[in-house]
Amino acid sequence: MSCNVDQIGSLLSINGEPVSFDALGQHAFKMDFAKIPNTMFFLQGVTFPGISVKVGQQMTPHLDFQEIGEKIEYDPLIIHFLVDANMRNHFEIYTWMKEMIVSNDLSKQVSDAILTVNNSKQIRFIDAFPTRLDPIEFVSNQDQLKYVTCTASFNFDWYEIIPI
């Protein structure tokens, strides 16, 4: 069943009861990483990770049956941020990545990240670490001033949903 936003107030469930629905706004979020406080201050967007389950196969001579897998896989957590004039926030992530690969204590190189949505729910990403810092493009041939943004990707072990 599909509907548009104007129809939401008049929807009924299968048993005839009215459906209560509050749409999730895209601007009602904030993100906190203890390891990169300057980056979070300039946060412009978050791509919430997708999740998938590996599918197994039961092979037979005539047909391979799909089976529910045993492992969950998470897509990366992606943040989009405005680069500050001194590039402090960009260099926070850069430094974190450099320290990760030379550190003997990997437990100090991960950080929980907390995404707060609508001040009503938090999602905690456990043991996150940066895996990609996208390039920055400096362009001088534009008519209007455009601010530099950057994107960073993080892997993590899992996430948990925490009601506020």
C-alpha atoms as a PDB file:
ATOM      1  CA  MET A   1       0.000   0.000   0.000  1.00  0.00           C
ATOM      2  CA  SER A   2       1.453   3.365  -0.927  1.00  0.00           C
ATOM      3  CA  CYS A   3       0.336   6.842  -0.003  1.00  0.00           C
ATOM      4  CA  ASN A   4       1.515  10.418  -0.032  1.00  0.00           C
ATOM      5  CA  VAL A   5       2.060  12.654   2.987  1.00  0.00           C
ATOM      6  CA  ASP A   6      -1.393  14.274   2.644  1.00  0.00           C
ATOM      7  CA  GLN A   7      -3.078  10.872   3.101  1.00  0.00           C
ATOM      8  CA  ILE A   8      -1.251   9.844   6.277  1.00  0.00           C
ATOM      9  CA  GLY A   9      -3.867  11.292   8.638  1.00  0.00           C
ATOM     10  CA  SER A  10      -6.619   9.167   7.073  1.00  0.00           C
ATOM     11  CA  LEU A  11      -4.861   5.792   6.921  1.00  0.00           C
ATOM     12  CA  LEU A  12      -6.376   2.794   8.636  1.00  0.00           C
ATOM     13  CA  SER A  13      -4.602  -0.385   9.674  1.00  0.00           C
ATOM     14  CA  ILE A  14      -5.714  -3.830   8.505  1.00  0.00           C
ATOM     15  CA  ASN A  15      -8.068  -4.138  11.505  1.00  0.00           C
ATOM     16  CA  GLY A  16      -9.646  -0.704  10.781  1.00  0.00           C
ATOM     17  CA  GLU A  17      -7.869   1.273  13.529  1.00  0.00           C
ATOM     18  CA  PRO A  18      -6.417   4.704  12.618  1.00  0.00           C
ATOM     19  CA  VAL A  19      -2.677   4.698  11.963  1.00  0.00           C
ATOM     20  CA  SER A  20      -0.561   7.097  14.001  1.00  0.00           C
ATOM     21  CA  PHE A  21       2.500   8.269  12.097  1.00  0.00           C
ATOM     22  CA  ASP A  22       5.126  10.926  12.777  1.00  0.00           C
ATOM     23  CA  ALA A  23       7.513  11.434   9.856  1.00  0.00           C
ATOM     24  CA  LEU A  24      11.235  11.554  10.600  1.00  0.00           C
ATOM     25  CA  GLY A  25      12.733  14.924   9.695  1.00  0.00           C
ATOM     26  CA  GLN A  26      16.160  14.985   8.067  1.00  0.00           C
ATOM     27  CA  HIS A  27      17.510  17.920  10.063  1.00  0.00           C
ATOM     28  CA  ALA A  28      16.856  16.610  13.578  1.00  0.00           C
ATOM     29  CA  PHE A  29      20.121  14.837  14.362  1.00  0.00           C
ATOM     30  CA  LYS A  30      23.514  15.258  15.954  1.00  0.00           C
ATOM     31  CA  MET A  31      26.512  12.969  16.180  1.00  0.00           C
ATOM     32  CA  ASP A  32      29.223  12.683  18.815  1.00  0.00           C
ATOM     33  CA  PHE A  33      32.648  11.043  18.560  1.00  0.00           C
ATOM     34  CA  ALA A  34      34.907  11.659  21.562  1.00  0.00           C
ATOM     35  CA  LYS A  35      37.996  11.362  19.332  1.00  0.00           C
ATOM     36  CA  ILE A  36      36.960  14.044  16.794  1.00  0.00           C
ATOM     37  CA  PRO A  37      35.081  16.866  18.564  1.00  0.00           C
ATOM     38  CA  ASN A  38      35.944  19.548  15.965  1.00  0.00           C
ATOM     39  CA  THR A  39      34.518  17.462  13.131  1.00  0.00           C
ATOM     40  CA  MET A  40      31.192  16.918  14.849  1.00  0.00           C
ATOM     41  CA  PHE A  41      30.741  20.652  15.387  1.00  0.00           C
ATOM     42  CA  PHE A  42      30.709  21.141  11.593  1.00  0.00           C
ATOM     43  CA  LEU A  43      28.635  18.046  10.769  1.00  0.00           C
ATOM     44  CA  GLN A  44      26.425  18.527   7.684  1.00  0.00           C
ATOM     45  CA  GLY A  45      24.954  15.059   7.250  1.00  0.00           C
ATOM     46  CA  VAL A  46      25.079  11.400   8.258  1.00  0.00           C
ATOM     47  CA  THR A  47      24.433   8.388   6.049  1.00  0.00           C
ATOM     48  CA  PHE A  48      22.940   5.795   8.386  1.00  0.00           C
ATOM     49  CA  PRO A  49      24.388   2.376   7.525  1.00  0.00           C
ATOM     50  CA  GLY A  50      22.417  -0.343   5.841  1.00  0.00           C
ATOM     51  CA  ILE A  51      22.427  -3.869   7.220  1.00  0.00           C
ATOM     52  CA  SER A  52      22.363  -7.217   5.466  1.00  0.00           C
ATOM     53  CA  VAL A  53      22.424 -10.897   6.324  1.00  0.00           C
ATOM     54  CA  LYS A  54      24.672 -13.219   4.380  1.00  0.00           C
ATOM     55  CA  VAL A  55      22.591 -15.825   2.595  1.00  0.00           C
ATOM     56  CA  GLY A  56      23.623 -19.448   2.628  1.00  0.00           C
ATOM     57  CA  GLN A  57      22.784 -22.066   0.033  1.00  0.00           C
ATOM     58  CA  GLN A  58      21.663 -25.636   0.417  1.00  0.00           C
ATOM     59  CA  MET A  59      22.773 -27.335  -2.780  1.00  0.00           C
ATOM     60  CA  THR A  60      20.749 -30.137  -4.306  1.00  0.00           C
ATOM     61  CA  PRO A  61      21.120 -31.773  -7.712  1.00  0.00           C
ATOM     62  CA  HIS A  62      18.272 -29.771  -9.266  1.00  0.00           C
ATOM     63  CA  LEU A  63      17.870 -26.616  -7.196  1.00  0.00           C
ATOM     64  CA  ASP A  64      19.964 -24.593  -4.752  1.00  0.00           C
ATOM     65  CA  PHE A  65      17.808 -23.471  -1.817  1.00  0.00           C
ATOM     66  CA  GLN A  66      18.420 -20.113  -0.130  1.00  0.00           C
ATOM     67  CA  GLU A  67      18.980 -20.313   3.613  1.00  0.00           C
ATOM     68  CA  ILE A  68      19.140 -17.667   6.292  1.00  0.00           C
ATOM     69  CA  GLY A  69      22.755 -16.861   6.938  1.00  0.00           C
ATOM     70  CA  GLU A  70      24.637 -16.740  10.204  1.00  0.00           C
ATOM     71  CA  LYS A  71      26.245 -13.286  10.029  1.00  0.00           C
ATOM     72  CA  ILE A  72      25.070  -9.698   9.900  1.00  0.00           C
ATOM     73  CA  GLU A  73      27.054  -7.215   7.840  1.00  0.00           C
ATOM     74  CA  TYR A  74      26.859  -3.460   8.340  1.00  0.00           C
ATOM     75  CA  ASP A  75      27.558  -0.869   5.663  1.00  0.00           C
ATOM     76  CA  PRO A  76      29.901   1.921   6.759  1.00  0.00           C
ATOM     77  CA  LEU A  77      28.712   4.882   8.791  1.00  0.00           C
ATOM     78  CA  ILE A  78      29.347   7.943   6.617  1.00  0.00           C
ATOM     79  CA  ILE A  79      29.579  11.525   7.830  1.00  0.00           C
ATOM     80  CA  HIS A  80      29.619  14.696   5.732  1.00  0.00           C
ATOM     81  CA  PHE A  81      31.181  17.762   7.332  1.00  0.00           C
ATOM     82  CA  LEU A  82      32.112  21.353   6.576  1.00  0.00           C
ATOM     83  CA  VAL A  83      35.896  21.806   6.683  1.00  0.00           C
ATOM     84  CA  ASP A  84      36.929  24.619   9.016  1.00  0.00           C
ATOM     85  CA  ALA A  85      39.320  27.358   7.828  1.00  0.00           C
ATOM     86  CA  ASN A  86      42.334  25.793   9.589  1.00  0.00           C
ATOM     87  CA  MET A  87      41.349  22.272   8.472  1.00  0.00           C
ATOM     88  CA  ARG A  88      41.473  21.109  12.126  1.00  0.00           C
ATOM     89  CA  ASN A  89      38.531  18.759  11.695  1.00  0.00           C
ATOM     90  CA  HIS A  90      39.979  17.175   8.543  1.00  0.00           C
ATOM     91  CA  PHE A  91      43.317  16.676  10.273  1.00  0.00           C
ATOM     92  CA  GLU A  92      41.613  15.107  13.319  1.00  0.00           C
ATOM     93  CA  ILE A  93      40.447  12.216  11.180  1.00  0.00           C
ATOM     94  CA  TYR A  94      43.720  12.110   9.240  1.00  0.00           C
ATOM     95  CA  THR A  95      45.706  11.891  12.502  1.00  0.00           C
ATOM     96  CA  TRP A  96      43.350   9.231  13.880  1.00  0.00           C
ATOM     97  CA  MET A  97      43.908   7.112  10.760  1.00  0.00           C
ATOM     98  CA  LYS A  98      47.687   7.500  10.931  1.00  0.00           C
ATOM     99  CA  GLU A  99      47.773   6.604  14.625  1.00  0.00           C
ATOM    100  CA  MET A 100      45.582   3.533  14.016  1.00  0.00           C
ATOM    101  CA  ILE A 101      48.088   1.840  11.760  1.00  0.00           C
ATOM    102  CA  VAL A 102      51.138   2.390  13.975  1.00  0.00           C
ATOM    103  CA  SER A 103      49.575   1.868  17.411  1.00  0.00           C
ATOM    104  CA  ASN A 104      50.319  -1.212  19.457  1.00  0.00           C
ATOM    105  CA  ASP A 105      47.145  -0.681  21.501  1.00  0.00           C
ATOM    106  CA  LEU A 106      44.227  -0.920  19.087  1.00  0.00           C
ATOM    107  CA  SER A 107      41.673  -0.468  21.894  1.00  0.00           C
ATOM    108  CA  LYS A 108      42.724   3.205  22.059  1.00  0.00           C
ATOM    109  CA  GLN A 109      42.104   3.642  18.320  1.00  0.00           C
ATOM    110  CA  VAL A 110      38.370   2.897  18.324  1.00  0.00           C
ATOM    111  CA  SER A 111      35.656   5.177  19.606  1.00  0.00           C
ATOM    112  CA  ASP A 112      31.983   4.725  20.253  1.00  0.00           C
ATOM    113  CA  ALA A 113      29.882   7.178  18.257  1.00  0.00           C
ATOM    114  CA  ILE A 114      26.433   8.336  19.291  1.00  0.00           C
ATOM    115  CA  LEU A 115      23.837   9.514  16.793  1.00  0.00           C
ATOM    116  CA  THR A 116      20.941  11.370  18.443  1.00  0.00           C
ATOM    117  CA  VAL A 117      17.765  11.550  16.341  1.00  0.00           C
ATOM    118  CA  ASN A 118      14.897  13.945  17.146  1.00  0.00           C
ATOM    119  CA  ASN A 119      16.114  14.164  20.768  1.00  0.00           C
ATOM    120  CA  SER A 120      14.117  10.966  21.333  1.00  0.00           C
ATOM    121  CA  LYS A 121      16.416   8.127  20.350  1.00  0.00           C
ATOM    122  CA  GLN A 122      20.132   7.466  20.322  1.00  0.00           C
ATOM    123  CA  ILE A 123      22.061   4.957  18.260  1.00  0.00           C
ATOM    124  CA  ARG A 124      25.442   3.969  19.659  1.00  0.00           C
ATOM    125  CA  PHE A 125      27.953   2.625  17.145  1.00  0.00           C
ATOM    126  CA  ILE A 126      30.331   0.358  19.047  1.00  0.00           C
ATOM    127  CA  ASP A 127      34.105   0.515  18.415  1.00  0.00           C
ATOM    128  CA  ALA A 128      33.997   2.750  15.345  1.00  0.00           C
ATOM    129  CA  PHE A 129      37.142   3.659  13.423  1.00  0.00           C
ATOM    130  CA  PRO A 130      37.749   5.653  10.229  1.00  0.00           C
ATOM    131  CA  THR A 131      38.372   3.701   7.032  1.00  0.00           C
ATOM    132  CA  ARG A 132      38.181   6.463   4.420  1.00  0.00           C
ATOM    133  CA  LEU A 133      38.691  10.202   4.269  1.00  0.00           C
ATOM    134  CA  ASP A 134      37.553  11.488   0.899  1.00  0.00           C
ATOM    135  CA  PRO A 135      39.637  13.982  -1.057  1.00  0.00           C
ATOM    136  CA  ILE A 136      39.110  17.715  -0.799  1.00  0.00           C
ATOM    137  CA  GLU A 137      38.849  19.719  -3.999  1.00  0.00           C
ATOM    138  CA  PHE A 138      40.020  23.338  -4.016  1.00  0.00           C
ATOM    139  CA  VAL A 139      38.528  25.310  -6.926  1.00  0.00           C
ATOM    140  CA  SER A 140      39.264  28.961  -7.725  1.00  0.00           C
ATOM    141  CA  ASN A 141      37.256  29.478 -10.923  1.00  0.00           C
ATOM    142  CA  GLN A 142      33.778  29.776  -9.382  1.00  0.00           C
ATOM    143  CA  ASP A 143      31.641  32.923  -9.369  1.00  0.00           C
ATOM    144  CA  GLN A 144      30.284  32.323  -5.866  1.00  0.00           C
ATOM    145  CA  LEU A 145      32.058  31.442  -2.667  1.00  0.00           C
ATOM    146  CA  LYS A 146      31.452  27.772  -1.877  1.00  0.00           C
ATOM    147  CA  TYR A 147      32.589  26.222   1.337  1.00  0.00           C
ATOM    148  CA  VAL A 148      34.689  23.087   1.350  1.00  0.00           C
ATOM    149  CA  THR A 149      33.048  19.903   2.571  1.00  0.00           C
ATOM    150  CA  CYS A 150      34.463  16.442   3.103  1.00  0.00           C
ATOM    151  CA  THR A 151      33.180  12.924   3.693  1.00  0.00           C
ATOM    152  CA  ALA A 152      34.575  10.264   6.014  1.00  0.00           C
ATOM    153  CA  SER A 153      33.571   6.606   6.375  1.00  0.00           C
ATOM    154  CA  PHE A 154      33.720   4.542   9.544  1.00  0.00           C
ATOM    155  CA  ASN A 155      33.452   0.834  10.202  1.00  0.00           C
ATOM    156  CA  PHE A 156      32.131  -0.413  13.542  1.00  0.00           C
ATOM    157  CA  ASP A 157      31.312  -3.700  15.241  1.00  0.00           C
ATOM    158  CA  TRP A 158      27.555  -3.225  15.717  1.00  0.00           C
ATOM    159  CA  TYR A 159      25.049  -0.633  16.844  1.00  0.00           C
ATOM    160  CA  GLU A 160      22.481  -0.525  19.594  1.00  0.00           C
ATOM    161  CA  ILE A 161      19.351   1.609  19.896  1.00  0.00           C
ATOM    162  CA  ILE A 162      18.995   3.535  23.145  1.00  0.00           C
ATOM    163  CA  PRO A 163      15.695   5.285  24.021  1.00  0.00           C
ATOM    164  CA  ILE A 164      16.227   8.680  25.642  1.00  0.00           C
END
